[in-house]
Each structure stands twice: as C-alpha cells, then as structure tokens.
Amino acid sequence: MSSLRKKAQMKQNEVRGPGGAKHKRKRVGRGDGSGHGTYSGRGVKGQNSRSGGGVRLGFEGGQLPLIKRLPHRRGFTNIFRVQYNVVNVGKLAVFPPETEVTPRELLQAGLIGTVDRPTKILGHGDIRHALVVAASKFSSSAEQKIVAAGGTTKQA
C-alpha cells in the first residue's frame, strides 16, 4: 500500500493578494515635489477645499433633491405573500349541475387567468345548484353556500 503523505496546508498569514492589488496610500500636502503639494488635490477655495467641507449625501445644491421629488413609498413588501386566483361563488353558476369544477375548468370558462397560482373561492353571490368544487382555499361563507346548495368542496 502506498504511504500517505501529509498535504501541505496553507496558512492564513501566507495568503497574498495578486500583484498590483494594493496601492500605496496617497500622502498629500508633502511638498510640491511630490505632485500633491500646495492645494493637496483640492483645487482652489470653495466648500470642498476646506476641512470638514462638502455636502451631505443626496444634496443637489439647494435644488429639490431626487429623493424628495419621488412619491412616498411606505411600508414593506412581504416576500412570502401568496397571490391567489380569486373566484366568487356567484360566478360558478355558469357550470351545469353536478359538474366537478377544478382550476382547469375555471380557466377554460375564463374565470381565472392562469393555473400556476392557487385558487380561492370567495362567498360573494349565490349558487342555486349542486357542484363539486375543487380549489386550494375557500372562504367560510363560500363553503357554506356551496354545501347549502347541495354541493361539496375539496382541496385541489
């Protein structure tokens, strides 16, 4: 059997950046011979030439800043929100009695736009005949109306 050799381990203090990754710090105000003397790269006079000078983030010289020109957006966006296809019980009257209504049938009838989202049946409107309705969710009033008409509900 071959002898196991110990792998060379790299140490954190031996890690070096690629050549040219580090620049020497610019030392301004160290004489005209350095190329950064006299005004130290700040130009002549003005707010930005002074110590502590400069303007705050977003300042546009007194003009109404972009951040204040835009309409207010409050609150937050819930990334876990589930968007449902919503269908009211009253719209289910287009199906004949004793039909099994699934999201596919709702799509074919033009009551929802896509079957990629879960479907929820809400209780607005009335239903007169029995249907077997399959959907992801039902409001309590929708479920009561479907059962009262002699139909049943089931999870799709």
N, C-alpha and C. Protein backbone atom coordinates (compact mmCIF):
# COMPACT_ATOMS: atom_id res chain seq x y z
N MET A 1 0.83 -1.17 0.00
CA MET A 1 0.00 0.00 0.00
C MET A 1 0.88 1.25 0.00
N SER A 2 0.46 2.28 -0.74
CA SER A 2 1.30 3.50 -0.81
C SER A 2 1.22 4.26 0.51
N SER A 3 2.32 4.87 0.82
CA SER A 3 2.36 5.63 2.07
C SER A 3 1.58 6.94 1.89
N LEU A 4 0.86 7.31 2.94
CA LEU A 4 0.08 8.55 2.89
C LEU A 4 0.98 9.73 3.22
N ARG A 5 1.04 10.69 2.30
CA ARG A 5 1.83 11.89 2.55
C ARG A 5 0.95 12.97 3.13
N LYS A 6 1.50 13.75 4.03
CA LYS A 6 0.76 14.84 4.64
C LYS A 6 0.65 15.97 3.62
N LYS A 7 -0.58 16.45 3.39
CA LYS A 7 -0.80 17.53 2.44
C LYS A 7 -0.26 18.83 3.00
N ALA A 8 0.32 19.65 2.14
CA ALA A 8 0.81 20.96 2.57
C ALA A 8 -0.38 21.85 2.87
N GLN A 9 -0.43 22.37 4.07
CA GLN A 9 -1.52 23.24 4.47
C GLN A 9 -1.11 24.70 4.28
N MET A 10 -2.03 25.49 3.69
CA MET A 10 -1.74 26.92 3.54
C MET A 10 -2.17 27.62 4.82
N LYS A 11 -1.36 28.53 5.27
CA LYS A 11 -1.66 29.27 6.49
C LYS A 11 -2.22 30.64 6.13
N GLN A 12 -3.02 31.17 7.01
CA GLN A 12 -3.66 32.45 6.74
C GLN A 12 -2.65 33.57 6.58
N ASN A 13 -1.56 33.50 7.32
CA ASN A 13 -0.57 34.57 7.24
C ASN A 13 0.28 34.45 5.98
N GLU A 14 0.11 33.37 5.22
CA GLU A 14 0.87 33.21 3.98
C GLU A 14 0.08 33.62 2.75
N VAL A 15 -1.22 33.94 2.92
CA VAL A 15 -2.05 34.31 1.78
C VAL A 15 -1.68 35.72 1.33
N ARG A 16 -1.44 35.88 0.04
CA ARG A 16 -1.07 37.18 -0.53
C ARG A 16 -2.05 37.51 -1.65
N GLY A 17 -2.38 38.79 -1.79
CA GLY A 17 -3.22 39.24 -2.89
C GLY A 17 -2.42 39.21 -4.18
N PRO A 18 -3.11 39.26 -5.33
CA PRO A 18 -2.39 39.28 -6.61
C PRO A 18 -1.57 40.56 -6.75
N GLY A 19 -0.54 40.51 -7.56
CA GLY A 19 0.32 41.68 -7.73
C GLY A 19 -0.46 42.87 -8.24
N GLY A 20 -0.21 44.04 -7.67
CA GLY A 20 -0.90 45.26 -8.08
C GLY A 20 -2.23 45.47 -7.39
N ALA A 21 -2.61 44.56 -6.51
CA ALA A 21 -3.90 44.69 -5.84
C ALA A 21 -3.86 45.76 -4.76
N LYS A 22 -2.68 45.99 -4.20
CA LYS A 22 -2.55 47.01 -3.15
C LYS A 22 -1.81 48.23 -3.70
N HIS A 23 -2.33 49.39 -3.36
CA HIS A 23 -1.70 50.65 -3.77
C HIS A 23 -1.14 51.33 -2.54
N LYS A 24 -0.08 52.09 -2.75
CA LYS A 24 0.44 52.88 -1.63
C LYS A 24 -0.53 54.01 -1.35
N ARG A 25 -0.66 54.36 -0.09
CA ARG A 25 -1.55 55.45 0.31
C ARG A 25 -1.02 56.76 -0.25
N LYS A 26 -1.94 57.60 -0.81
CA LYS A 26 -1.54 58.89 -1.34
C LYS A 26 -1.28 59.84 -0.18
N ARG A 27 -0.06 60.36 -0.06
CA ARG A 27 0.27 61.29 1.02
C ARG A 27 0.26 62.70 0.46
N VAL A 28 -0.84 63.41 0.72
CA VAL A 28 -0.99 64.75 0.16
C VAL A 28 -0.41 65.79 1.11
N GLY A 29 -0.09 66.96 0.56
CA GLY A 29 0.44 68.05 1.37
C GLY A 29 1.86 67.80 1.84
N ARG A 30 2.66 67.10 1.04
CA ARG A 30 4.04 66.80 1.44
C ARG A 30 5.04 67.43 0.48
N GLY A 31 4.73 68.64 0.04
CA GLY A 31 5.68 69.38 -0.80
C GLY A 31 5.33 69.30 -2.28
N ASP A 32 5.75 70.36 -3.00
CA ASP A 32 5.42 70.43 -4.42
C ASP A 32 6.12 69.35 -5.23
N GLY A 33 7.24 68.88 -4.76
CA GLY A 33 7.98 67.84 -5.49
C GLY A 33 7.21 66.52 -5.55
N SER A 34 6.30 66.31 -4.62
CA SER A 34 5.56 65.05 -4.60
C SER A 34 4.45 65.03 -5.65
N GLY A 35 4.08 66.21 -6.16
CA GLY A 35 2.95 66.29 -7.09
C GLY A 35 1.62 66.49 -6.39
N HIS A 36 1.64 66.43 -5.07
CA HIS A 36 0.40 66.63 -4.30
C HIS A 36 0.62 67.67 -3.21
N GLY A 37 1.38 68.69 -3.52
CA GLY A 37 1.65 69.75 -2.55
C GLY A 37 0.68 70.90 -2.72
N THR A 38 0.96 72.02 -2.16
CA THR A 38 0.20 73.28 -2.21
C THR A 38 -1.28 73.08 -1.89
N TYR A 39 -2.11 72.71 -2.89
CA TYR A 39 -3.55 72.58 -2.64
C TYR A 39 -3.96 71.14 -2.31
N SER A 40 -3.03 70.23 -2.35
CA SER A 40 -3.27 68.82 -1.96
C SER A 40 -4.41 68.18 -2.74
N GLY A 41 -4.55 68.51 -4.00
CA GLY A 41 -5.58 67.88 -4.84
C GLY A 41 -6.97 68.40 -4.60
N ARG A 42 -7.12 69.50 -3.83
CA ARG A 42 -8.46 70.01 -3.51
C ARG A 42 -8.87 71.21 -4.36
N GLY A 43 -8.02 71.64 -5.27
CA GLY A 43 -8.35 72.82 -6.07
C GLY A 43 -8.15 74.08 -5.26
N VAL A 44 -8.76 75.18 -5.73
CA VAL A 44 -8.58 76.49 -5.08
C VAL A 44 -9.89 76.94 -4.45
N LYS A 45 -9.88 77.26 -3.19
CA LYS A 45 -11.03 77.78 -2.43
C LYS A 45 -12.29 76.91 -2.56
N GLY A 46 -13.36 77.37 -2.02
CA GLY A 46 -14.65 76.68 -2.13
C GLY A 46 -14.92 75.70 -1.00
N GLN A 47 -16.15 75.26 -0.95
CA GLN A 47 -16.62 74.42 0.15
C GLN A 47 -15.82 73.13 0.27
N ASN A 48 -15.48 72.53 -0.85
CA ASN A 48 -14.79 71.25 -0.81
C ASN A 48 -13.30 71.36 -0.53
N SER A 49 -12.77 72.58 -0.54
CA SER A 49 -11.35 72.75 -0.25
C SER A 49 -11.10 72.86 1.25
N ARG A 50 -12.14 73.18 2.00
CA ARG A 50 -11.99 73.40 3.44
C ARG A 50 -12.02 72.07 4.21
N SER A 51 -11.46 72.11 5.40
CA SER A 51 -11.55 70.91 6.22
C SER A 51 -12.99 70.81 6.74
N GLY A 52 -13.52 69.62 6.73
CA GLY A 52 -14.91 69.45 7.14
C GLY A 52 -15.89 69.91 6.09
N GLY A 53 -15.40 70.30 4.94
CA GLY A 53 -16.26 70.80 3.87
C GLY A 53 -16.95 69.66 3.15
N GLY A 54 -17.77 70.00 2.19
CA GLY A 54 -18.50 69.01 1.41
C GLY A 54 -19.97 69.04 1.78
N VAL A 55 -20.78 68.36 1.00
CA VAL A 55 -22.22 68.37 1.21
C VAL A 55 -22.68 66.97 1.59
N ARG A 56 -23.84 66.91 2.20
CA ARG A 56 -24.36 65.61 2.64
C ARG A 56 -24.81 64.78 1.44
N LEU A 57 -25.00 63.52 1.66
CA LEU A 57 -25.44 62.60 0.64
C LEU A 57 -26.80 63.02 0.09
N GLY A 58 -26.93 63.12 -1.21
CA GLY A 58 -28.20 63.46 -1.83
C GLY A 58 -28.42 64.95 -2.01
N PHE A 59 -27.50 65.79 -1.53
CA PHE A 59 -27.65 67.25 -1.66
C PHE A 59 -27.41 67.65 -3.10
N GLU A 60 -28.30 68.51 -3.65
CA GLU A 60 -28.18 68.92 -5.05
C GLU A 60 -28.06 70.42 -5.18
N GLY A 61 -27.31 71.04 -4.28
CA GLY A 61 -27.06 72.47 -4.38
C GLY A 61 -28.26 73.33 -4.06
N GLY A 62 -29.21 72.82 -3.30
CA GLY A 62 -30.39 73.61 -2.94
C GLY A 62 -31.60 73.25 -3.79
N GLN A 63 -31.37 72.67 -4.96
CA GLN A 63 -32.48 72.17 -5.79
C GLN A 63 -33.17 71.04 -5.02
N LEU A 64 -34.48 70.90 -5.22
CA LEU A 64 -35.20 69.84 -4.52
C LEU A 64 -34.60 68.49 -4.92
N PRO A 65 -34.04 67.75 -3.97
CA PRO A 65 -33.34 66.51 -4.32
C PRO A 65 -34.26 65.45 -4.89
N LEU A 66 -33.67 64.56 -5.65
CA LEU A 66 -34.41 63.47 -6.30
C LEU A 66 -35.20 62.67 -5.28
N ILE A 67 -34.61 62.39 -4.12
CA ILE A 67 -35.26 61.56 -3.11
C ILE A 67 -36.55 62.22 -2.60
N LYS A 68 -36.60 63.56 -2.62
CA LYS A 68 -37.81 64.26 -2.18
C LYS A 68 -38.79 64.48 -3.32
N ARG A 69 -38.31 64.42 -4.56
CA ARG A 69 -39.18 64.61 -5.72
C ARG A 69 -40.01 63.37 -6.01
N LEU A 70 -39.53 62.21 -5.59
CA LEU A 70 -40.24 60.97 -5.87
C LEU A 70 -41.41 60.81 -4.91
N PRO A 71 -42.47 60.10 -5.33
CA PRO A 71 -43.61 59.91 -4.43
C PRO A 71 -43.22 59.04 -3.24
N HIS A 72 -43.95 59.24 -2.14
CA HIS A 72 -43.67 58.47 -0.91
C HIS A 72 -44.02 57.02 -1.10
N ARG A 73 -43.13 56.13 -0.70
CA ARG A 73 -43.42 54.71 -0.70
C ARG A 73 -43.27 54.26 0.75
N ARG A 74 -44.37 53.83 1.34
CA ARG A 74 -44.32 53.45 2.74
C ARG A 74 -44.48 51.94 2.92
N GLY A 75 -44.11 51.45 4.08
CA GLY A 75 -44.30 50.04 4.39
C GLY A 75 -43.22 49.18 3.78
N PHE A 76 -43.57 47.92 3.54
CA PHE A 76 -42.60 46.98 3.01
C PHE A 76 -43.33 45.98 2.13
N THR A 77 -42.58 45.17 1.40
CA THR A 77 -43.16 44.14 0.54
C THR A 77 -42.92 42.79 1.20
N ASN A 78 -43.99 42.08 1.47
CA ASN A 78 -43.89 40.76 2.09
C ASN A 78 -43.49 39.75 1.02
N ILE A 79 -42.28 39.20 1.14
CA ILE A 79 -41.79 38.28 0.12
C ILE A 79 -42.44 36.91 0.21
N PHE A 80 -43.17 36.64 1.29
CA PHE A 80 -43.84 35.35 1.46
C PHE A 80 -45.31 35.40 1.06
N ARG A 81 -45.76 36.53 0.51
CA ARG A 81 -47.17 36.69 0.14
C ARG A 81 -47.55 35.69 -0.94
N VAL A 82 -48.72 35.09 -0.78
CA VAL A 82 -49.23 34.16 -1.78
C VAL A 82 -50.35 34.87 -2.54
N GLN A 83 -50.22 34.94 -3.86
CA GLN A 83 -51.27 35.56 -4.68
C GLN A 83 -52.19 34.46 -5.20
N TYR A 84 -53.47 34.64 -4.97
CA TYR A 84 -54.46 33.65 -5.36
C TYR A 84 -55.23 34.11 -6.60
N ASN A 85 -55.69 33.14 -7.40
CA ASN A 85 -56.74 33.41 -8.38
C ASN A 85 -58.02 33.44 -7.56
N VAL A 86 -58.79 34.51 -7.65
CA VAL A 86 -59.98 34.66 -6.83
C VAL A 86 -61.23 34.51 -7.70
N VAL A 87 -62.14 33.65 -7.26
CA VAL A 87 -63.41 33.46 -7.97
C VAL A 87 -64.53 33.51 -6.93
N ASN A 88 -65.56 34.28 -7.22
CA ASN A 88 -66.71 34.35 -6.32
C ASN A 88 -67.71 33.24 -6.63
N VAL A 89 -68.43 32.81 -5.60
CA VAL A 89 -69.40 31.72 -5.72
C VAL A 89 -70.43 32.03 -6.80
N GLY A 90 -70.85 33.27 -6.91
CA GLY A 90 -71.87 33.66 -7.89
C GLY A 90 -71.45 33.35 -9.33
N LYS A 91 -70.15 33.38 -9.61
CA LYS A 91 -69.64 33.12 -10.97
C LYS A 91 -69.69 31.63 -11.32
N LEU A 92 -69.83 30.76 -10.31
CA LEU A 92 -69.85 29.31 -10.57
C LEU A 92 -71.18 28.86 -11.18
N ALA A 93 -72.14 29.77 -11.27
CA ALA A 93 -73.46 29.43 -11.83
C ALA A 93 -73.36 29.10 -13.32
N VAL A 94 -72.26 29.42 -13.99
CA VAL A 94 -72.11 29.12 -15.42
C VAL A 94 -71.94 27.61 -15.67
N PHE A 95 -71.60 26.86 -14.62
CA PHE A 95 -71.41 25.42 -14.78
C PHE A 95 -72.72 24.69 -14.55
N PRO A 96 -72.99 23.64 -15.35
CA PRO A 96 -74.23 22.87 -15.16
C PRO A 96 -74.21 22.10 -13.83
N PRO A 97 -75.39 21.72 -13.32
CA PRO A 97 -75.45 20.99 -12.04
C PRO A 97 -74.63 19.70 -12.06
N GLU A 98 -74.14 19.31 -10.88
CA GLU A 98 -73.36 18.09 -10.65
C GLU A 98 -72.01 18.06 -11.40
N THR A 99 -71.51 19.22 -11.83
CA THR A 99 -70.21 19.29 -12.50
C THR A 99 -69.11 19.36 -11.46
N GLU A 100 -67.97 18.74 -11.77
CA GLU A 100 -66.80 18.92 -10.91
C GLU A 100 -66.02 20.12 -11.44
N VAL A 101 -65.92 21.16 -10.62
CA VAL A 101 -65.27 22.41 -11.02
C VAL A 101 -63.85 22.41 -10.45
N THR A 102 -62.88 22.36 -11.35
CA THR A 102 -61.46 22.40 -10.96
C THR A 102 -60.85 23.68 -11.53
N PRO A 103 -59.63 24.02 -11.11
CA PRO A 103 -58.98 25.20 -11.70
C PRO A 103 -58.88 25.14 -13.22
N ARG A 104 -58.72 23.95 -13.79
CA ARG A 104 -58.67 23.81 -15.27
C ARG A 104 -60.00 24.25 -15.90
N GLU A 105 -61.13 23.82 -15.31
CA GLU A 105 -62.44 24.23 -15.83
C GLU A 105 -62.65 25.73 -15.67
N LEU A 106 -62.19 26.28 -14.54
CA LEU A 106 -62.31 27.73 -14.32
C LEU A 106 -61.50 28.50 -15.36
N LEU A 107 -60.34 27.97 -15.75
CA LEU A 107 -59.50 28.60 -16.77
C LEU A 107 -60.21 28.56 -18.13
N GLN A 108 -60.78 27.40 -18.46
CA GLN A 108 -61.48 27.27 -19.75
C GLN A 108 -62.72 28.16 -19.82
N ALA A 109 -63.36 28.39 -18.67
CA ALA A 109 -64.55 29.25 -18.64
C ALA A 109 -64.16 30.73 -18.61
N GLY A 110 -62.85 31.02 -18.48
CA GLY A 110 -62.39 32.40 -18.47
C GLY A 110 -62.55 33.10 -17.13
N LEU A 111 -62.74 32.32 -16.07
CA LEU A 111 -62.93 32.93 -14.74
C LEU A 111 -61.60 33.21 -14.04
N ILE A 112 -60.53 32.52 -14.46
CA ILE A 112 -59.20 32.81 -13.93
C ILE A 112 -58.24 32.92 -15.11
N GLY A 113 -57.08 33.53 -14.87
CA GLY A 113 -56.14 33.76 -15.96
C GLY A 113 -55.08 32.70 -16.12
N THR A 114 -54.75 32.01 -15.03
CA THR A 114 -53.69 31.01 -15.08
C THR A 114 -53.92 29.94 -14.01
N VAL A 115 -53.39 28.74 -14.24
CA VAL A 115 -53.49 27.69 -13.23
C VAL A 115 -52.19 27.58 -12.44
N ASP A 116 -51.26 28.51 -12.70
CA ASP A 116 -49.97 28.49 -11.99
C ASP A 116 -50.11 28.96 -10.54
N ARG A 117 -51.13 29.76 -10.27
CA ARG A 117 -51.37 30.26 -8.91
C ARG A 117 -52.43 29.39 -8.23
N PRO A 118 -52.42 29.35 -6.89
CA PRO A 118 -53.51 28.65 -6.20
C PRO A 118 -54.82 29.42 -6.36
N THR A 119 -55.93 28.70 -6.28
CA THR A 119 -57.25 29.31 -6.49
C THR A 119 -58.01 29.36 -5.17
N LYS A 120 -58.69 30.49 -4.96
CA LYS A 120 -59.50 30.65 -3.74
C LYS A 120 -60.92 31.03 -4.15
N ILE A 121 -61.88 30.37 -3.54
CA ILE A 121 -63.29 30.65 -3.83
C ILE A 121 -63.83 31.54 -2.70
N LEU A 122 -64.39 32.69 -3.09
CA LEU A 122 -64.94 33.63 -2.11
C LEU A 122 -66.46 33.60 -2.16
N GLY A 123 -67.11 34.16 -1.14
CA GLY A 123 -68.54 33.98 -0.94
C GLY A 123 -69.48 35.00 -1.53
N HIS A 124 -69.04 35.89 -2.41
CA HIS A 124 -69.94 36.90 -2.97
C HIS A 124 -70.83 36.27 -4.03
N GLY A 125 -72.11 36.54 -3.95
CA GLY A 125 -73.06 35.98 -4.92
C GLY A 125 -73.73 34.73 -4.37
N ASP A 126 -74.63 34.16 -5.18
CA ASP A 126 -75.38 32.98 -4.77
C ASP A 126 -75.24 31.86 -5.79
N ILE A 127 -75.41 30.65 -5.32
CA ILE A 127 -75.38 29.48 -6.20
C ILE A 127 -76.65 28.67 -5.92
N ARG A 128 -77.32 28.23 -6.97
CA ARG A 128 -78.62 27.58 -6.83
C ARG A 128 -78.55 26.05 -6.97
N HIS A 129 -77.51 25.54 -7.65
CA HIS A 129 -77.45 24.10 -7.89
C HIS A 129 -76.16 23.49 -7.34
N ALA A 130 -76.19 22.16 -7.20
CA ALA A 130 -75.07 21.44 -6.57
C ALA A 130 -73.88 21.33 -7.52
N LEU A 131 -72.70 21.61 -6.99
CA LEU A 131 -71.44 21.47 -7.73
C LEU A 131 -70.40 20.82 -6.83
N VAL A 132 -69.46 20.11 -7.42
CA VAL A 132 -68.31 19.61 -6.68
C VAL A 132 -67.17 20.57 -7.02
N VAL A 133 -66.77 21.40 -6.06
CA VAL A 133 -65.79 22.45 -6.33
C VAL A 133 -64.45 22.08 -5.70
N ALA A 134 -63.40 22.06 -6.53
CA ALA A 134 -62.05 21.77 -6.06
C ALA A 134 -61.22 23.04 -6.19
N ALA A 135 -60.68 23.49 -5.07
CA ALA A 135 -59.84 24.70 -5.07
C ALA A 135 -58.83 24.60 -3.93
N SER A 136 -57.85 25.49 -3.94
CA SER A 136 -56.82 25.50 -2.90
C SER A 136 -57.39 25.96 -1.56
N LYS A 137 -58.27 26.98 -1.62
CA LYS A 137 -58.85 27.53 -0.40
C LYS A 137 -60.28 27.97 -0.65
N PHE A 138 -61.07 28.02 0.43
CA PHE A 138 -62.44 28.51 0.39
C PHE A 138 -62.64 29.46 1.55
N SER A 139 -63.36 30.55 1.31
CA SER A 139 -63.77 31.37 2.45
C SER A 139 -64.89 30.61 3.14
N SER A 140 -65.12 30.89 4.42
CA SER A 140 -66.13 30.14 5.17
C SER A 140 -67.51 30.36 4.57
N SER A 141 -67.82 31.58 4.12
CA SER A 141 -69.14 31.85 3.55
C SER A 141 -69.32 31.13 2.21
N ALA A 142 -68.24 31.02 1.41
CA ALA A 142 -68.31 30.31 0.13
C ALA A 142 -68.59 28.83 0.38
N GLU A 143 -67.90 28.26 1.35
CA GLU A 143 -68.08 26.84 1.66
C GLU A 143 -69.52 26.58 2.12
N GLN A 144 -70.05 27.47 2.96
CA GLN A 144 -71.42 27.31 3.45
C GLN A 144 -72.42 27.36 2.30
N LYS A 145 -72.23 28.29 1.36
CA LYS A 145 -73.17 28.44 0.24
C LYS A 145 -73.13 27.23 -0.69
N ILE A 146 -71.93 26.69 -0.95
CA ILE A 146 -71.81 25.52 -1.82
C ILE A 146 -72.48 24.30 -1.19
N VAL A 147 -72.24 24.11 0.12
CA VAL A 147 -72.83 22.97 0.83
C VAL A 147 -74.35 23.14 0.95
N ALA A 148 -74.81 24.38 1.17
CA ALA A 148 -76.25 24.65 1.30
C ALA A 148 -76.98 24.36 -0.02
N ALA A 149 -76.28 24.52 -1.16
CA ALA A 149 -76.90 24.25 -2.45
C ALA A 149 -76.85 22.76 -2.81
N GLY A 150 -76.27 21.95 -1.90
CA GLY A 150 -76.20 20.51 -2.12
C GLY A 150 -74.88 20.04 -2.73
N GLY A 151 -73.94 20.94 -2.87
CA GLY A 151 -72.64 20.59 -3.44
C GLY A 151 -71.62 20.21 -2.39
N THR A 152 -70.40 19.95 -2.84
CA THR A 152 -69.32 19.61 -1.91
C THR A 152 -68.07 20.40 -2.30
N THR A 153 -67.15 20.53 -1.32
CA THR A 153 -65.87 21.21 -1.58
C THR A 153 -64.73 20.22 -1.30
N LYS A 154 -63.67 20.39 -2.05
CA LYS A 154 -62.49 19.57 -1.77
C LYS A 154 -61.23 20.35 -2.18
N GLN A 155 -60.13 19.99 -1.55
CA GLN A 155 -58.86 20.66 -1.82
C GLN A 155 -58.30 20.23 -3.17
N ALA A 156 -57.88 21.18 -3.97
CA ALA A 156 -57.31 20.86 -5.29
C ALA A 156 -55.81 20.69 -5.18
